[in-house]
Each structure stands twice: as structure tokens, then as C-alpha cells.
Amino acid sequence: MDRARLPRRIRLSASGTVAELRQDELTEAGVMLTIDGVEQSHVETDDPGWLLHDYTLRIAAVLDALAGWSAERPWSVLHLGAGALTLPRWVEHRAGQRRLRPLSRPCWTSSPS
């Protein structure tokens, strides 16, 4: 990702919410995803193995404990709510997985009928 082209902003059509990717001032290669100004995710573009948020560190610890990462036994991983693709990038970096399926669904301001 070219950080020089950030921030990039888009208004999500289903909800009117503003999603923005912008440079993280804490690290040299960090990119943050914010939704209506609230940070949702962080990705370190130079090192996908580096995780910032506690929730991503906890998920990574659970995956490490359960996975037994092995080339002979690759996992298929479905990521619900892909955000800035932080965890899919981490899994690929950590385990060399190639069967990753990030899936995001648009946000609604009220329940869809």
C-alpha cells in the first residue's frame, strides 16, 4: 500500500458511514482503518506479523495455540469482517496459508428487511 496516497476516504452506500484509510503516526509503515473517525483496525504494511491491537494479539495467540501450523496440513481460514485485512495478512505471514477468505458485509443503519 502506498502510504503517500493516504488518506483515502469513501462513504459506504448502505449506511452513509465514512470509512478512511490513513497513515498511523505511531509507526513508519502503519495504516489505520477508521469508521466515522473511530479506529477499527491497524496494519503494518512492512511487517504483517506485527499486531497493534489487543484483540488481534489475542486472536493470534489462540490461532497459534490451536493451529499447529504445518505445510502438510494447511488450514482454510474464513475471516468475517475483514477490516484492513490485518488478520488475513498475519495468517498468511505466520503460516504461509493460501486458502484465506476475507468476507465483509456492508453496514446498515437499521436491520435489513
PDB file of N, CA and C in Angstrom:
ATOM      1  N   MET A   1       0.843  -1.171   0.000  1.00  0.00           N
ATOM      2  CA  MET A   1       0.000   0.000   0.000  1.00  0.00           C
ATOM      3  C   MET A   1       0.887   1.233   0.000  1.00  0.00           C
ATOM      4  N   ASP A   2       0.582   2.161  -0.858  1.00  0.00           N
ATOM      5  CA  ASP A   2       1.357   3.385  -0.979  1.00  0.00           C
ATOM      6  C   ASP A   2       0.837   4.405   0.035  1.00  0.00           C
ATOM      7  N   ARG A   3       1.561   4.566   1.144  1.00  0.00           N
ATOM      8  CA  ARG A   3       1.123   5.485   2.204  1.00  0.00           C
ATOM      9  C   ARG A   3       1.095   6.931   1.732  1.00  0.00           C
ATOM     10  N   ALA A   4       1.849   7.249   0.688  1.00  0.00           N
ATOM     11  CA  ALA A   4       1.858   8.618   0.184  1.00  0.00           C
ATOM     12  C   ALA A   4       0.503   9.012  -0.388  1.00  0.00           C
ATOM     13  N   ARG A   5      -0.293   8.016  -0.761  1.00  0.00           N
ATOM     14  CA  ARG A   5      -1.611   8.295  -1.344  1.00  0.00           C
ATOM     15  C   ARG A   5      -2.717   8.338  -0.285  1.00  0.00           C
ATOM     16  N   LEU A   6      -2.330   8.327   0.984  1.00  0.00           N
ATOM     17  CA  LEU A   6      -3.306   8.359   2.073  1.00  0.00           C
ATOM     18  C   LEU A   6      -3.439   9.782   2.591  1.00  0.00           C
ATOM     19  N   PRO A   7      -4.540  10.213   3.168  1.00  0.00           N
ATOM     20  CA  PRO A   7      -5.711   9.409   3.450  1.00  0.00           C
ATOM     21  C   PRO A   7      -6.587   9.192   2.219  1.00  0.00           C
ATOM     22  N   ARG A   8      -7.287   8.084   2.260  1.00  0.00           N
ATOM     23  CA  ARG A   8      -8.293   7.773   1.244  1.00  0.00           C
ATOM     24  C   ARG A   8      -9.597   7.562   1.982  1.00  0.00           C
ATOM     25  N   ARG A   9     -10.654   8.121   1.471  1.00  0.00           N
ATOM     26  CA  ARG A   9     -11.924   8.131   2.172  1.00  0.00           C
ATOM     27  C   ARG A   9     -13.034   7.693   1.230  1.00  0.00           C
ATOM     28  N   ILE A  10     -13.990   6.946   1.775  1.00  0.00           N
ATOM     29  CA  ILE A  10     -15.146   6.513   0.989  1.00  0.00           C
ATOM     30  C   ILE A  10     -16.374   6.525   1.890  1.00  0.00           C
ATOM     31  N   ARG A  11     -17.494   6.946   1.334  1.00  0.00           N
ATOM     32  CA  ARG A  11     -18.757   6.886   2.068  1.00  0.00           C
ATOM     33  C   ARG A  11     -19.448   5.591   1.667  1.00  0.00           C
ATOM     34  N   LEU A  12     -19.724   4.745   2.651  1.00  0.00           N
ATOM     35  CA  LEU A  12     -20.355   3.458   2.386  1.00  0.00           C
ATOM     36  C   LEU A  12     -21.812   3.679   2.017  1.00  0.00           C
ATOM     37  N   SER A  13     -22.224   3.131   0.885  1.00  0.00           N
ATOM     38  CA  SER A  13     -23.540   3.444   0.341  1.00  0.00           C
ATOM     39  C   SER A  13     -24.693   2.943   1.195  1.00  0.00           C
ATOM     40  N   ALA A  14     -24.566   1.783   1.804  1.00  0.00           N
ATOM     41  CA  ALA A  14     -25.691   1.220   2.554  1.00  0.00           C
ATOM     42  C   ALA A  14     -25.985   2.004   3.830  1.00  0.00           C
ATOM     43  N   SER A  15     -24.942   2.540   4.480  1.00  0.00           N
ATOM     44  CA  SER A  15     -25.138   3.183   5.783  1.00  0.00           C
ATOM     45  C   SER A  15     -24.847   4.674   5.789  1.00  0.00           C
ATOM     46  N   GLY A  16     -24.113   5.154   4.790  1.00  0.00           N
ATOM     47  CA  GLY A  16     -23.677   6.542   4.801  1.00  0.00           C
ATOM     48  C   GLY A  16     -22.469   6.775   5.692  1.00  0.00           C
ATOM     49  N   THR A  17     -21.946   5.715   6.281  1.00  0.00           N
ATOM     50  CA  THR A  17     -20.785   5.780   7.154  1.00  0.00           C
ATOM     51  C   THR A  17     -19.539   6.108   6.335  1.00  0.00           C
ATOM     52  N   VAL A  18     -18.607   6.844   6.937  1.00  0.00           N
ATOM     53  CA  VAL A  18     -17.360   7.182   6.247  1.00  0.00           C
ATOM     54  C   VAL A  18     -16.250   6.245   6.720  1.00  0.00           C
ATOM     55  N   ALA A  19     -15.671   5.532   5.768  1.00  0.00           N
ATOM     56  CA  ALA A  19     -14.518   4.677   6.038  1.00  0.00           C
ATOM     57  C   ALA A  19     -13.286   5.387   5.485  1.00  0.00           C
ATOM     58  N   GLU A  20     -12.202   5.379   6.257  1.00  0.00           N
ATOM     59  CA  GLU A  20     -10.992   6.076   5.828  1.00  0.00           C
ATOM     60  C   GLU A  20      -9.758   5.249   6.169  1.00  0.00           C
ATOM     61  N   LEU A  21      -8.840   5.187   5.227  1.00  0.00           N
ATOM     62  CA  LEU A  21      -7.506   4.640   5.463  1.00  0.00           C
ATOM     63  C   LEU A  21      -6.565   5.825   5.585  1.00  0.00           C
ATOM     64  N   ARG A  22      -5.759   5.837   6.682  1.00  0.00           N
ATOM     65  CA  ARG A  22      -4.815   6.939   6.845  1.00  0.00           C
ATOM     66  C   ARG A  22      -3.543   6.448   7.504  1.00  0.00           C
ATOM     67  N   GLN A  23      -2.495   7.232   7.359  1.00  0.00           N
ATOM     68  CA  GLN A  23      -1.206   6.890   7.944  1.00  0.00           C
ATOM     69  C   GLN A  23      -1.312   6.904   9.463  1.00  0.00           C
ATOM     70  N   ASP A  24      -0.684   5.928  10.078  1.00  0.00           N
ATOM     71  CA  ASP A  24      -0.593   5.883  11.529  1.00  0.00           C
ATOM     72  C   ASP A  24       0.695   6.583  11.923  1.00  0.00           C
ATOM     73  N   GLU A  25       0.597   7.556  12.783  1.00  0.00           N
ATOM     74  CA  GLU A  25       1.773   8.327  13.179  1.00  0.00           C
ATOM     75  C   GLU A  25       2.645   7.587  14.197  1.00  0.00           C
ATOM     76  N   LEU A  26       2.179   6.455  14.741  1.00  0.00           N
ATOM     77  CA  LEU A  26       2.953   5.704  15.731  1.00  0.00           C
ATOM     78  C   LEU A  26       4.083   4.895  15.119  1.00  0.00           C
ATOM     79  N   THR A  27       3.904   4.458  13.873  1.00  0.00           N
ATOM     80  CA  THR A  27       4.908   3.618  13.229  1.00  0.00           C
ATOM     81  C   THR A  27       5.192   4.138  11.830  1.00  0.00           C
ATOM     82  N   GLU A  28       6.315   3.725  11.276  1.00  0.00           N
ATOM     83  CA  GLU A  28       6.710   4.215   9.956  1.00  0.00           C
ATOM     84  C   GLU A  28       5.847   3.666   8.825  1.00  0.00           C
ATOM     85  N   ALA A  29       5.359   2.434   8.971  1.00  0.00           N
ATOM     86  CA  ALA A  29       4.626   1.805   7.874  1.00  0.00           C
ATOM     87  C   ALA A  29       3.194   1.448   8.264  1.00  0.00           C
ATOM     88  N   GLY A  30       2.685   2.055   9.334  1.00  0.00           N
ATOM     89  CA  GLY A  30       1.348   1.724   9.803  1.00  0.00           C
ATOM     90  C   GLY A  30       0.251   2.437   9.038  1.00  0.00           C
ATOM     91  N   VAL A  31      -0.850   1.714   8.833  1.00  0.00           N
ATOM     92  CA  VAL A  31      -2.047   2.264   8.197  1.00  0.00           C
ATOM     93  C   VAL A  31      -3.230   1.918   9.094  1.00  0.00           C
ATOM     94  N   MET A  32      -4.074   2.917   9.356  1.00  0.00           N
ATOM     95  CA  MET A  32      -5.259   2.713  10.178  1.00  0.00           C
ATOM     96  C   MET A  32      -6.512   2.750   9.317  1.00  0.00           C
ATOM     97  N   LEU A  33      -7.471   1.911   9.672  1.00  0.00           N
ATOM     98  CA  LEU A  33      -8.812   1.988   9.120  1.00  0.00           C
ATOM     99  C   LEU A  33      -9.683   2.622  10.187  1.00  0.00           C
ATOM    100  N   THR A  34     -10.335   3.725   9.843  1.00  0.00           N
ATOM    101  CA  THR A  34     -11.281   4.337  10.759  1.00  0.00           C
ATOM    102  C   THR A  34     -12.665   4.321  10.123  1.00  0.00           C
ATOM    103  N   ILE A  35     -13.664   4.189  10.969  1.00  0.00           N
ATOM    104  CA  ILE A  35     -15.053   4.265  10.542  1.00  0.00           C
ATOM    105  C   ILE A  35     -15.670   5.412  11.323  1.00  0.00           C
ATOM    106  N   ASP A  36     -16.137   6.424  10.601  1.00  0.00           N
ATOM    107  CA  ASP A  36     -16.657   7.647  11.229  1.00  0.00           C
ATOM    108  C   ASP A  36     -15.701   8.184  12.283  1.00  0.00           C
ATOM    109  N   GLY A  37     -14.392   8.141  11.984  1.00  0.00           N
ATOM    110  CA  GLY A  37     -13.374   8.717  12.844  1.00  0.00           C
ATOM    111  C   GLY A  37     -12.901   7.829  13.983  1.00  0.00           C
ATOM    112  N   VAL A  38     -13.486   6.641  14.132  1.00  0.00           N
ATOM    113  CA  VAL A  38     -13.098   5.729  15.212  1.00  0.00           C
ATOM    114  C   VAL A  38     -12.208   4.635  14.639  1.00  0.00           C
ATOM    115  N   GLU A  39     -11.004   4.475  15.212  1.00  0.00           N
ATOM    116  CA  GLU A  39     -10.074   3.471  14.713  1.00  0.00           C
ATOM    117  C   GLU A  39     -10.659   2.072  14.873  1.00  0.00           C
ATOM    118  N   GLN A  40     -10.631   1.308  13.781  1.00  0.00           N
ATOM    119  CA  GLN A  40     -11.167  -0.047  13.765  1.00  0.00           C
ATOM    120  C   GLN A  40     -10.091  -1.096  13.602  1.00  0.00           C
ATOM    121  N   SER A  41      -9.045  -0.749  12.867  1.00  0.00           N
ATOM    122  CA  SER A  41      -8.033  -1.732  12.540  1.00  0.00           C
ATOM    123  C   SER A  41      -6.730  -1.019  12.201  1.00  0.00           C
ATOM    124  N   HIS A  42      -5.636  -1.763  12.326  1.00  0.00           N
ATOM    125  CA  HIS A  42      -4.311  -1.237  12.024  1.00  0.00           C
ATOM    126  C   HIS A  42      -3.534  -2.332  11.297  1.00  0.00           C
ATOM    127  N   VAL A  43      -2.844  -1.963  10.249  1.00  0.00           N
ATOM    128  CA  VAL A  43      -1.992  -2.919   9.546  1.00  0.00           C
ATOM    129  C   VAL A  43      -0.619  -2.292   9.366  1.00  0.00           C
ATOM    130  N   GLU A  44       0.387  -3.089   9.625  1.00  0.00           N
ATOM    131  CA  GLU A  44       1.770  -2.654   9.443  1.00  0.00           C
ATOM    132  C   GLU A  44       2.199  -3.173   8.069  1.00  0.00           C
ATOM    133  N   THR A  45       2.274  -2.296   7.087  1.00  0.00           N
ATOM    134  CA  THR A  45       2.474  -2.729   5.708  1.00  0.00           C
ATOM    135  C   THR A  45       3.822  -3.393   5.469  1.00  0.00           C
ATOM    136  N   ASP A  46       4.847  -3.026   6.236  1.00  0.00           N
ATOM    137  CA  ASP A  46       6.176  -3.632   6.072  1.00  0.00           C
ATOM    138  C   ASP A  46       6.346  -4.935   6.851  1.00  0.00           C
ATOM    139  N   ASP A  47       5.481  -5.175   7.830  1.00  0.00           N
ATOM    140  CA  ASP A  47       5.628  -6.362   8.675  1.00  0.00           C
ATOM    141  C   ASP A  47       4.249  -6.862   9.119  1.00  0.00           C
ATOM    142  N   PRO A  48       3.598  -7.704   8.323  1.00  0.00           N
ATOM    143  CA  PRO A  48       2.268  -8.192   8.681  1.00  0.00           C
ATOM    144  C   PRO A  48       2.266  -9.060   9.936  1.00  0.00           C
ATOM    145  N   GLY A  49       3.422  -9.463  10.430  1.00  0.00           N
ATOM    146  CA  GLY A  49       3.494 -10.236  11.650  1.00  0.00           C
ATOM    147  C   GLY A  49       3.388  -9.378  12.908  1.00  0.00           C
ATOM    148  N   TRP A  50       3.471  -8.054  12.758  1.00  0.00           N
ATOM    149  CA  TRP A  50       3.385  -7.137  13.898  1.00  0.00           C
ATOM    150  C   TRP A  50       1.943  -6.702  14.081  1.00  0.00           C
ATOM    151  N   LEU A  51       1.392  -6.958  15.267  1.00  0.00           N
ATOM    152  CA  LEU A  51      -0.003  -6.616  15.558  1.00  0.00           C
ATOM    153  C   LEU A  51      -0.043  -5.553  16.647  1.00  0.00           C
ATOM    154  N   LEU A  52      -0.937  -4.591  16.509  1.00  0.00           N
ATOM    155  CA  LEU A  52      -1.022  -3.471  17.442  1.00  0.00           C
ATOM    156  C   LEU A  52      -2.098  -3.669  18.506  1.00  0.00           C
ATOM    157  N   HIS A  53      -3.290  -4.024  18.082  1.00  0.00           N
ATOM    158  CA  HIS A  53      -4.437  -4.039  18.998  1.00  0.00           C
ATOM    159  C   HIS A  53      -4.498  -5.328  19.820  1.00  0.00           C
ATOM    160  N   ASP A  54      -4.937  -5.175  21.075  1.00  0.00           N
ATOM    161  CA  ASP A  54      -5.055  -6.330  21.970  1.00  0.00           C
ATOM    162  C   ASP A  54      -5.902  -7.448  21.370  1.00  0.00           C
ATOM    163  N   TYR A  55      -7.032  -7.087  20.743  1.00  0.00           N
ATOM    164  CA  TYR A  55      -7.904  -8.143  20.215  1.00  0.00           C
ATOM    165  C   TYR A  55      -7.222  -8.951  19.123  1.00  0.00           C
ATOM    166  N   THR A  56      -6.387  -8.318  18.306  1.00  0.00           N
ATOM    167  CA  THR A  56      -5.687  -9.072  17.264  1.00  0.00           C
ATOM    168  C   THR A  56      -4.599  -9.948  17.874  1.00  0.00           C
ATOM    169  N   LEU A  57      -3.940  -9.447  18.909  1.00  0.00           N
ATOM    170  CA  LEU A  57      -2.926 -10.251  19.602  1.00  0.00           C
ATOM    171  C   LEU A  57      -3.556 -11.482  20.252  1.00  0.00           C
ATOM    172  N   ARG A  58      -4.744 -11.320  20.830  1.00  0.00           N
ATOM    173  CA  ARG A  58      -5.430 -12.459  21.463  1.00  0.00           C
ATOM    174  C   ARG A  58      -5.872 -13.482  20.433  1.00  0.00           C
ATOM    175  N   ILE A  59      -6.434 -13.024  19.336  1.00  0.00           N
ATOM    176  CA  ILE A  59      -6.845 -13.951  18.268  1.00  0.00           C
ATOM    177  C   ILE A  59      -5.629 -14.699  17.740  1.00  0.00           C
ATOM    178  N   ALA A  60      -4.521 -13.980  17.529  1.00  0.00           N
ATOM    179  CA  ALA A  60      -3.294 -14.621  17.036  1.00  0.00           C
ATOM    180  C   ALA A  60      -2.789 -15.666  18.026  1.00  0.00           C
ATOM    181  N   ALA A  61      -2.867 -15.380  19.325  1.00  0.00           N
ATOM    182  CA  ALA A  61      -2.415 -16.339  20.334  1.00  0.00           C
ATOM    183  C   ALA A  61      -3.278 -17.602  20.313  1.00  0.00           C
ATOM    184  N   VAL A  62      -4.582 -17.438  20.146  1.00  0.00           N
ATOM    185  CA  VAL A  62      -5.477 -18.595  20.068  1.00  0.00           C
ATOM    186  C   VAL A  62      -5.164 -19.415  18.826  1.00  0.00           C
ATOM    187  N   LEU A  63      -4.991 -18.750  17.693  1.00  0.00           N
ATOM    188  CA  LEU A  63      -4.669 -19.476  16.460  1.00  0.00           C
ATOM    189  C   LEU A  63      -3.340 -20.216  16.587  1.00  0.00           C
ATOM    190  N   ASP A  64      -2.345 -19.574  17.169  1.00  0.00           N
ATOM    191  CA  ASP A  64      -1.054 -20.246  17.367  1.00  0.00           C
ATOM    192  C   ASP A  64      -1.200 -21.475  18.264  1.00  0.00           C
ATOM    193  N   ALA A  65      -2.020 -21.342  19.316  1.00  0.00           N
ATOM    194  CA  ALA A  65      -2.188 -22.457  20.257  1.00  0.00           C
ATOM    195  C   ALA A  65      -2.941 -23.626  19.621  1.00  0.00           C
ATOM    196  N   LEU A  66      -3.909 -23.339  18.782  1.00  0.00           N
ATOM    197  CA  LEU A  66      -4.745 -24.386  18.194  1.00  0.00           C
ATOM    198  C   LEU A  66      -4.233 -24.927  16.864  1.00  0.00           C
ATOM    199  N   ALA A  67      -3.513 -24.102  16.157  1.00  0.00           N
ATOM    200  CA  ALA A  67      -3.265 -24.392  14.750  1.00  0.00           C
ATOM    201  C   ALA A  67      -2.291 -25.525  14.489  1.00  0.00           C
ATOM    202  N   GLY A  68      -1.173 -25.529  15.175  1.00  0.00           N
ATOM    203  CA  GLY A  68      -0.141 -26.464  14.785  1.00  0.00           C
ATOM    204  C   GLY A  68       0.212 -26.233  13.325  1.00  0.00           C
ATOM    205  N   TRP A  69       0.522 -24.973  12.986  1.00  0.00           N
ATOM    206  CA  TRP A  69       0.787 -24.588  11.597  1.00  0.00           C
ATOM    207  C   TRP A  69       1.719 -25.594  10.938  1.00  0.00           C
ATOM    208  N   SER A  70       1.337 -26.053   9.781  1.00  0.00           N
ATOM    209  CA  SER A  70       2.134 -27.058   9.100  1.00  0.00           C
ATOM    210  C   SER A  70       1.860 -27.004   7.598  1.00  0.00           C
ATOM    211  N   ALA A  71       2.912 -27.105   6.809  1.00  0.00           N
ATOM    212  CA  ALA A  71       2.743 -27.127   5.351  1.00  0.00           C
ATOM    213  C   ALA A  71       1.991 -28.380   4.919  1.00  0.00           C
ATOM    214  N   GLU A  72       2.130 -29.441   5.684  1.00  0.00           N
ATOM    215  CA  GLU A  72       1.441 -30.692   5.341  1.00  0.00           C
ATOM    216  C   GLU A  72      -0.046 -30.621   5.665  1.00  0.00           C
ATOM    217  N   ARG A  73      -0.401 -29.753   6.567  1.00  0.00           N
ATOM    218  CA  ARG A  73      -1.792 -29.644   6.987  1.00  0.00           C
ATOM    219  C   ARG A  73      -2.242 -28.184   6.945  1.00  0.00           C
ATOM    220  N   PRO A  74      -2.358 -27.613   5.739  1.00  0.00           N
ATOM    221  CA  PRO A  74      -2.737 -26.198   5.662  1.00  0.00           C
ATOM    222  C   PRO A  74      -4.188 -25.998   6.107  1.00  0.00           C
ATOM    223  N   TRP A  75      -4.429 -24.857   6.668  1.00  0.00           N
ATOM    224  CA  TRP A  75      -5.767 -24.501   7.113  1.00  0.00           C
ATOM    225  C   TRP A  75      -6.461 -23.681   6.042  1.00  0.00           C
ATOM    226  N   SER A  76      -7.764 -23.799   6.003  1.00  0.00           N
ATOM    227  CA  SER A  76      -8.599 -22.837   5.280  1.00  0.00           C
ATOM    228  C   SER A  76      -9.148 -21.899   6.339  1.00  0.00           C
ATOM    229  N   VAL A  77      -9.001 -20.597   6.124  1.00  0.00           N
ATOM    230  CA  VAL A  77      -9.392 -19.626   7.139  1.00  0.00           C
ATOM    231  C   VAL A  77     -10.401 -18.657   6.541  1.00  0.00           C
ATOM    232  N   LEU A  78     -11.551 -18.542   7.202  1.00  0.00           N
ATOM    233  CA  LEU A  78     -12.583 -17.588   6.820  1.00  0.00           C
ATOM    234  C   LEU A  78     -12.537 -16.437   7.816  1.00  0.00           C
ATOM    235  N   HIS A  79     -12.361 -15.227   7.331  1.00  0.00           N
ATOM    236  CA  HIS A  79     -12.280 -14.045   8.174  1.00  0.00           C
ATOM    237  C   HIS A  79     -13.570 -13.258   8.001  1.00  0.00           C
ATOM    238  N   LEU A  80     -14.400 -13.222   9.019  1.00  0.00           N
ATOM    239  CA  LEU A  80     -15.637 -12.440   8.972  1.00  0.00           C
ATOM    240  C   LEU A  80     -15.346 -11.038   9.470  1.00  0.00           C
ATOM    241  N   GLY A  81     -15.647 -10.050   8.647  1.00  0.00           N
ATOM    242  CA  GLY A  81     -15.311  -8.678   8.991  1.00  0.00           C
ATOM    243  C   GLY A  81     -13.835  -8.432   8.773  1.00  0.00           C
ATOM    244  N   ALA A  82     -13.433  -8.282   7.537  1.00  0.00           N
ATOM    245  CA  ALA A  82     -12.021  -8.244   7.183  1.00  0.00           C
ATOM    246  C   ALA A  82     -11.304  -6.961   7.590  1.00  0.00           C
ATOM    247  N   GLY A  83     -12.005  -5.871   7.807  1.00  0.00           N
ATOM    248  CA  GLY A  83     -11.364  -4.618   8.235  1.00  0.00           C
ATOM    249  C   GLY A  83     -10.266  -4.209   7.275  1.00  0.00           C
ATOM    250  N   ALA A  84      -9.084  -3.963   7.790  1.00  0.00           N
ATOM    251  CA  ALA A  84      -7.935  -3.577   6.969  1.00  0.00           C
ATOM    252  C   ALA A  84      -7.110  -4.796   6.555  1.00  0.00           C
ATOM    253  N   LEU A  85      -7.695  -5.975   6.661  1.00  0.00           N
ATOM    254  CA  LEU A  85      -7.052  -7.250   6.318  1.00  0.00           C
ATOM    255  C   LEU A  85      -5.869  -7.565   7.240  1.00  0.00           C
ATOM    256  N   THR A  86      -5.912  -7.057   8.460  1.00  0.00           N
ATOM    257  CA  THR A  86      -4.826  -7.275   9.414  1.00  0.00           C
ATOM    258  C   THR A  86      -4.627  -8.753   9.705  1.00  0.00           C
ATOM    259  N   LEU A  87      -5.690  -9.452  10.112  1.00  0.00           N
ATOM    260  CA  LEU A  87      -5.544 -10.859  10.465  1.00  0.00           C
ATOM    261  C   LEU A  87      -5.315 -11.762   9.257  1.00  0.00           C
ATOM    262  N   PRO A  88      -5.978 -11.552   8.123  1.00  0.00           N
ATOM    263  CA  PRO A  88      -5.612 -12.374   6.958  1.00  0.00           C
ATOM    264  C   PRO A  88      -4.138 -12.236   6.576  1.00  0.00           C
ATOM    265  N   ARG A  89      -3.618 -11.015   6.649  1.00  0.00           N
ATOM    266  CA  ARG A  89      -2.193 -10.810   6.340  1.00  0.00           C
ATOM    267  C   ARG A  89      -1.309 -11.497   7.376  1.00  0.00           C
ATOM    268  N   TRP A  90      -1.712 -11.455   8.655  1.00  0.00           N
ATOM    269  CA  TRP A  90      -0.941 -12.107   9.710  1.00  0.00           C
ATOM    270  C   TRP A  90      -0.920 -13.617   9.496  1.00  0.00           C
ATOM    271  N   VAL A  91      -2.074 -14.211   9.207  1.00  0.00           N
ATOM    272  CA  VAL A  91      -2.142 -15.664   8.996  1.00  0.00           C
ATOM    273  C   VAL A  91      -1.262 -16.072   7.824  1.00  0.00           C
ATOM    274  N   GLU A  92      -1.343 -15.332   6.736  1.00  0.00           N
ATOM    275  CA  GLU A  92      -0.504 -15.659   5.579  1.00  0.00           C
ATOM    276  C   GLU A  92       0.976 -15.533   5.930  1.00  0.00           C
ATOM    277  N   HIS A  93       1.337 -14.489   6.665  1.00  0.00           N
ATOM    278  CA  HIS A  93       2.734 -14.278   7.069  1.00  0.00           C
ATOM    279  C   HIS A  93       3.196 -15.389   8.013  1.00  0.00           C
ATOM    280  N   ARG A  94       2.369 -15.725   8.977  1.00  0.00           N
ATOM    281  CA  ARG A  94       2.737 -16.684  10.029  1.00  0.00           C
ATOM    282  C   ARG A  94       2.772 -18.108   9.515  1.00  0.00           C
ATOM    283  N   ALA A  95       1.801 -18.464   8.691  1.00  0.00           N
ATOM    284  CA  ALA A  95       1.637 -19.866   8.344  1.00  0.00           C
ATOM    285  C   ALA A  95       1.773 -20.155   6.860  1.00  0.00           C
ATOM    286  N   GLY A  96       1.977 -19.106   6.058  1.00  0.00           N
ATOM    287  CA  GLY A  96       2.086 -19.332   4.624  1.00  0.00           C
ATOM    288  C   GLY A  96       0.792 -19.848   4.007  1.00  0.00           C
ATOM    289  N   GLN A  97      -0.314 -19.571   4.662  1.00  0.00           N
ATOM    290  CA  GLN A  97      -1.599 -20.058   4.167  1.00  0.00           C
ATOM    291  C   GLN A  97      -1.956 -19.370   2.854  1.00  0.00           C
ATOM    292  N   ARG A  98      -2.566 -20.106   1.994  1.00  0.00           N
ATOM    293  CA  ARG A  98      -3.022 -19.547   0.721  1.00  0.00           C
ATOM    294  C   ARG A  98      -4.533 -19.654   0.566  1.00  0.00           C
ATOM    295  N   ARG A  99      -5.183 -20.381   1.464  1.00  0.00           N
ATOM    296  CA  ARG A  99      -6.636 -20.513   1.371  1.00  0.00           C
ATOM    297  C   ARG A  99      -7.292 -19.617   2.418  1.00  0.00           C
ATOM    298  N   LEU A 100      -7.266 -18.324   2.131  1.00  0.00           N
ATOM    299  CA  LEU A 100      -7.833 -17.320   3.026  1.00  0.00           C
ATOM    300  C   LEU A 100      -9.046 -16.710   2.351  1.00  0.00           C
ATOM    301  N   ARG A 101     -10.109 -16.516   3.109  1.00  0.00           N
ATOM    302  CA  ARG A 101     -11.317 -15.906   2.561  1.00  0.00           C
ATOM    303  C   ARG A 101     -11.802 -14.779   3.464  1.00  0.00           C
ATOM    304  N   PRO A 102     -11.337 -13.562   3.211  1.00  0.00           N
ATOM    305  CA  PRO A 102     -11.897 -12.430   3.949  1.00  0.00           C
ATOM    306  C   PRO A 102     -13.306 -12.139   3.420  1.00  0.00           C
ATOM    307  N   LEU A 103     -14.224 -11.863   4.318  1.00  0.00           N
ATOM    308  CA  LEU A 103     -15.609 -11.604   3.943  1.00  0.00           C
ATOM    309  C   LEU A 103     -16.118 -10.447   4.775  1.00  0.00           C
ATOM    310  N   SER A 104     -16.545  -9.393   4.112  1.00  0.00           N
ATOM    311  CA  SER A 104     -17.139  -8.259   4.817  1.00  0.00           C
ATOM    312  C   SER A 104     -18.519  -8.015   4.239  1.00  0.00           C
ATOM    313  N   ARG A 105     -19.399  -7.571   5.083  1.00  0.00           N
ATOM    314  CA  ARG A 105     -20.764  -7.272   4.678  1.00  0.00           C
ATOM    315  C   ARG A 105     -20.999  -5.787   4.927  1.00  0.00           C
ATOM    316  N   PRO A 106     -21.724  -5.128   4.045  1.00  0.00           N
ATOM    317  CA  PRO A 106     -21.980  -3.699   4.266  1.00  0.00           C
ATOM    318  C   PRO A 106     -22.703  -3.473   5.593  1.00  0.00           C
ATOM    319  N   CYS A 107     -22.460  -2.305   6.184  1.00  0.00           N
ATOM    320  CA  CYS A 107     -23.136  -1.927   7.429  1.00  0.00           C
ATOM    321  C   CYS A 107     -24.468  -1.262   7.108  1.00  0.00           C
ATOM    322  N   TRP A 108     -25.471  -1.584   7.885  1.00  0.00           N
ATOM    323  CA  TRP A 108     -26.770  -0.918   7.739  1.00  0.00           C
ATOM    324  C   TRP A 108     -27.023  -0.057   8.963  1.00  0.00           C
ATOM    325  N   THR A 109     -27.743   1.044   8.758  1.00  0.00           N
ATOM    326  CA  THR A 109     -28.101   1.885   9.902  1.00  0.00           C
ATOM    327  C   THR A 109     -29.289   1.272  10.638  1.00  0.00           C
ATOM    328  N   SER A 110     -30.067   0.436   9.984  1.00  0.00           N
ATOM    329  CA  SER A 110     -31.127  -0.314  10.639  1.00  0.00           C
ATOM    330  C   SER A 110     -31.108  -1.717  10.063  1.00  0.00           C
ATOM    331  N   SER A 111     -31.821  -2.619  10.689  1.00  0.00           N
ATOM    332  CA  SER A 111     -31.821  -4.008  10.212  1.00  0.00           C
ATOM    333  C   SER A 111     -32.380  -4.095   8.801  1.00  0.00           C
ATOM    334  N   PRO A 112     -31.694  -4.859   7.924  1.00  0.00           N
ATOM    335  CA  PRO A 112     -32.224  -5.016   6.563  1.00  0.00           C
ATOM    336  C   PRO A 112     -33.504  -5.836   6.608  1.00  0.00           C
ATOM    337  N   SER A 113     -34.425  -5.527   5.687  1.00  0.00           N
ATOM    338  CA  SER A 113     -35.675  -6.295   5.682  1.00  0.00           C
ATOM    339  C   SER A 113     -35.628  -7.461   4.749  1.00  0.00           C
TER     340      SER A 113
END
